[in-house]
Amino acid sequence: MKLHALQNLDRGDRDLRDARQLAAHLGIRDAAALHELYLSVYDEAPSDEASLRFRSVLRESPQ
């Protein structure tokens, strides 16, 4: 799992999978908690575009 995946969710399935694993590992279940994690790691708020992608992180992975 890479924290950097939170910034690169548009680069493909691997970053999305890494971000999902990180959120699950930390028990993050909503966008507000994911936003706070991003802020604590990068010391800046995520861009609007990144924030919109957080929903994809919180969705269940397709089977």
N, C-alpha and C. Protein backbone atom coordinates (compact mmCIF):
# COMPACT_ATOMS: atom_id res chain seq x y z
N MET A 1 0.84 -1.19 0.00
CA MET A 1 0.00 0.00 0.00
C MET A 1 0.87 1.24 0.00
N LYS A 2 0.48 2.18 -0.79
CA LYS A 2 1.24 3.42 -0.85
C LYS A 2 0.34 4.58 -0.52
N LEU A 3 0.80 5.46 0.36
CA LEU A 3 0.05 6.68 0.64
C LEU A 3 -0.03 7.55 -0.61
N HIS A 4 0.97 7.45 -1.46
CA HIS A 4 1.00 8.24 -2.68
C HIS A 4 -0.19 7.91 -3.58
N ALA A 5 -0.77 6.74 -3.41
CA ALA A 5 -1.93 6.33 -4.22
C ALA A 5 -3.09 7.30 -4.05
N LEU A 6 -3.18 7.97 -2.91
CA LEU A 6 -4.27 8.92 -2.71
C LEU A 6 -4.17 10.10 -3.66
N GLN A 7 -2.97 10.41 -4.11
CA GLN A 7 -2.80 11.52 -5.06
C GLN A 7 -2.94 11.06 -6.50
N ASN A 8 -2.79 9.79 -6.75
CA ASN A 8 -2.71 9.30 -8.13
C ASN A 8 -3.84 8.36 -8.51
N LEU A 9 -5.02 8.63 -8.02
CA LEU A 9 -6.13 7.72 -8.28
C LEU A 9 -6.50 7.64 -9.74
N ASP A 10 -6.05 8.57 -10.54
CA ASP A 10 -6.39 8.56 -11.96
C ASP A 10 -5.40 7.77 -12.81
N ARG A 11 -4.41 7.17 -12.18
CA ARG A 11 -3.37 6.46 -12.94
C ARG A 11 -3.69 5.00 -13.19
N GLY A 12 -4.82 4.55 -12.71
CA GLY A 12 -5.18 3.17 -13.02
C GLY A 12 -5.62 2.38 -11.81
N ASP A 13 -5.89 1.11 -12.07
CA ASP A 13 -6.45 0.23 -11.05
C ASP A 13 -5.51 -0.01 -9.87
N ARG A 14 -4.22 -0.03 -10.12
CA ARG A 14 -3.29 -0.33 -9.03
C ARG A 14 -3.36 0.74 -7.93
N ASP A 15 -3.37 2.01 -8.30
CA ASP A 15 -3.45 3.07 -7.30
C ASP A 15 -4.80 3.06 -6.59
N LEU A 16 -5.85 2.79 -7.33
CA LEU A 16 -7.17 2.70 -6.71
C LEU A 16 -7.21 1.54 -5.72
N ARG A 17 -6.67 0.41 -6.11
CA ARG A 17 -6.61 -0.76 -5.22
C ARG A 17 -5.78 -0.45 -3.97
N ASP A 18 -4.64 0.20 -4.15
CA ASP A 18 -3.80 0.57 -3.01
C ASP A 18 -4.54 1.51 -2.06
N ALA A 19 -5.22 2.49 -2.63
CA ALA A 19 -5.97 3.44 -1.79
C ALA A 19 -7.10 2.73 -1.06
N ARG A 20 -7.77 1.80 -1.72
CA ARG A 20 -8.85 1.03 -1.06
C ARG A 20 -8.29 0.20 0.09
N GLN A 21 -7.14 -0.44 -0.14
CA GLN A 21 -6.53 -1.26 0.91
C GLN A 21 -6.12 -0.39 2.10
N LEU A 22 -5.59 0.78 1.83
CA LEU A 22 -5.20 1.69 2.90
C LEU A 22 -6.43 2.13 3.70
N ALA A 23 -7.48 2.51 3.01
CA ALA A 23 -8.71 2.95 3.70
C ALA A 23 -9.28 1.81 4.54
N ALA A 24 -9.31 0.61 3.99
CA ALA A 24 -9.83 -0.53 4.73
C ALA A 24 -8.97 -0.83 5.96
N HIS A 25 -7.67 -0.80 5.78
CA HIS A 25 -6.73 -1.08 6.88
C HIS A 25 -6.92 -0.09 8.02
N LEU A 26 -7.18 1.17 7.67
CA LEU A 26 -7.34 2.21 8.68
C LEU A 26 -8.78 2.35 9.17
N GLY A 27 -9.69 1.56 8.61
CA GLY A 27 -11.08 1.62 9.03
C GLY A 27 -11.80 2.87 8.54
N ILE A 28 -11.35 3.44 7.44
CA ILE A 28 -11.96 4.64 6.89
C ILE A 28 -13.18 4.23 6.08
N ARG A 29 -14.33 4.83 6.44
CA ARG A 29 -15.57 4.44 5.80
C ARG A 29 -16.32 5.60 5.16
N ASP A 30 -15.78 6.81 5.25
CA ASP A 30 -16.47 7.94 4.63
C ASP A 30 -15.46 8.93 4.06
N ALA A 31 -15.96 9.77 3.16
CA ALA A 31 -15.10 10.71 2.46
C ALA A 31 -14.46 11.72 3.39
N ALA A 32 -15.15 12.10 4.45
CA ALA A 32 -14.59 13.08 5.39
C ALA A 32 -13.33 12.52 6.06
N ALA A 33 -13.37 11.26 6.45
CA ALA A 33 -12.20 10.63 7.09
C ALA A 33 -11.06 10.49 6.08
N LEU A 34 -11.39 10.18 4.84
CA LEU A 34 -10.36 10.07 3.82
C LEU A 34 -9.74 11.44 3.54
N HIS A 35 -10.55 12.46 3.55
CA HIS A 35 -10.07 13.84 3.38
C HIS A 35 -9.10 14.19 4.51
N GLU A 36 -9.44 13.85 5.74
CA GLU A 36 -8.57 14.14 6.88
C GLU A 36 -7.25 13.38 6.79
N LEU A 37 -7.31 12.14 6.32
CA LEU A 37 -6.08 11.37 6.14
C LEU A 37 -5.18 12.05 5.12
N TYR A 38 -5.76 12.43 4.00
CA TYR A 38 -4.98 13.12 2.96
C TYR A 38 -4.34 14.37 3.53
N LEU A 39 -5.11 15.16 4.24
CA LEU A 39 -4.62 16.40 4.84
C LEU A 39 -3.47 16.13 5.80
N SER A 40 -3.59 15.08 6.60
CA SER A 40 -2.54 14.77 7.57
C SER A 40 -1.26 14.27 6.91
N VAL A 41 -1.38 13.61 5.78
CA VAL A 41 -0.22 13.07 5.08
C VAL A 41 0.49 14.14 4.26
N TYR A 42 -0.29 14.92 3.50
CA TYR A 42 0.30 15.86 2.55
C TYR A 42 0.31 17.30 3.04
N ASP A 43 -0.24 17.56 4.20
CA ASP A 43 -0.26 18.89 4.80
C ASP A 43 -0.92 19.93 3.90
N GLU A 44 -1.86 19.48 3.10
CA GLU A 44 -2.67 20.37 2.27
C GLU A 44 -3.95 19.63 1.92
N ALA A 45 -4.98 20.37 1.66
CA ALA A 45 -6.25 19.76 1.30
C ALA A 45 -6.14 19.16 -0.10
N PRO A 46 -6.85 18.07 -0.35
CA PRO A 46 -6.83 17.50 -1.69
C PRO A 46 -7.51 18.45 -2.67
N SER A 47 -7.12 18.35 -3.92
CA SER A 47 -7.79 19.14 -4.95
C SER A 47 -9.25 18.69 -5.05
N ASP A 48 -10.07 19.52 -5.65
CA ASP A 48 -11.47 19.15 -5.85
C ASP A 48 -11.57 17.86 -6.65
N GLU A 49 -10.72 17.73 -7.66
CA GLU A 49 -10.72 16.53 -8.49
C GLU A 49 -10.39 15.29 -7.67
N ALA A 50 -9.38 15.38 -6.82
CA ALA A 50 -9.02 14.25 -5.97
C ALA A 50 -10.14 13.91 -5.00
N SER A 51 -10.75 14.92 -4.43
CA SER A 51 -11.85 14.70 -3.49
C SER A 51 -13.00 13.95 -4.15
N LEU A 52 -13.28 14.28 -5.39
CA LEU A 52 -14.35 13.58 -6.11
C LEU A 52 -14.00 12.11 -6.34
N ARG A 53 -12.73 11.81 -6.51
CA ARG A 53 -12.32 10.41 -6.71
C ARG A 53 -12.36 9.59 -5.43
N PHE A 54 -12.42 10.25 -4.28
CA PHE A 54 -12.47 9.51 -3.02
C PHE A 54 -13.67 8.58 -2.97
N ARG A 55 -14.76 8.93 -3.64
CA ARG A 55 -15.93 8.05 -3.65
C ARG A 55 -15.58 6.69 -4.24
N SER A 56 -14.74 6.69 -5.24
CA SER A 56 -14.32 5.43 -5.86
C SER A 56 -13.52 4.57 -4.88
N VAL A 57 -12.75 5.22 -4.04
CA VAL A 57 -11.97 4.49 -3.04
C VAL A 57 -12.88 3.79 -2.06
N LEU A 58 -13.97 4.42 -1.71
CA LEU A 58 -14.85 3.90 -0.68
C LEU A 58 -15.85 2.88 -1.21
N ARG A 59 -15.99 2.76 -2.52
CA ARG A 59 -16.87 1.75 -3.11
C ARG A 59 -16.23 0.39 -3.00
N GLU A 60 -17.09 -0.60 -2.98
CA GLU A 60 -16.61 -1.98 -2.98
C GLU A 60 -15.92 -2.28 -4.30
N SER A 61 -14.90 -3.07 -4.26
CA SER A 61 -14.22 -3.50 -5.48
C SER A 61 -15.14 -4.42 -6.27
N PRO A 62 -15.16 -4.30 -7.59
CA PRO A 62 -15.96 -5.23 -8.38
C PRO A 62 -15.40 -6.63 -8.26
N GLN A 63 -16.26 -7.59 -8.26
CA GLN A 63 -15.85 -8.99 -8.12
C GLN A 63 -15.48 -9.58 -9.45
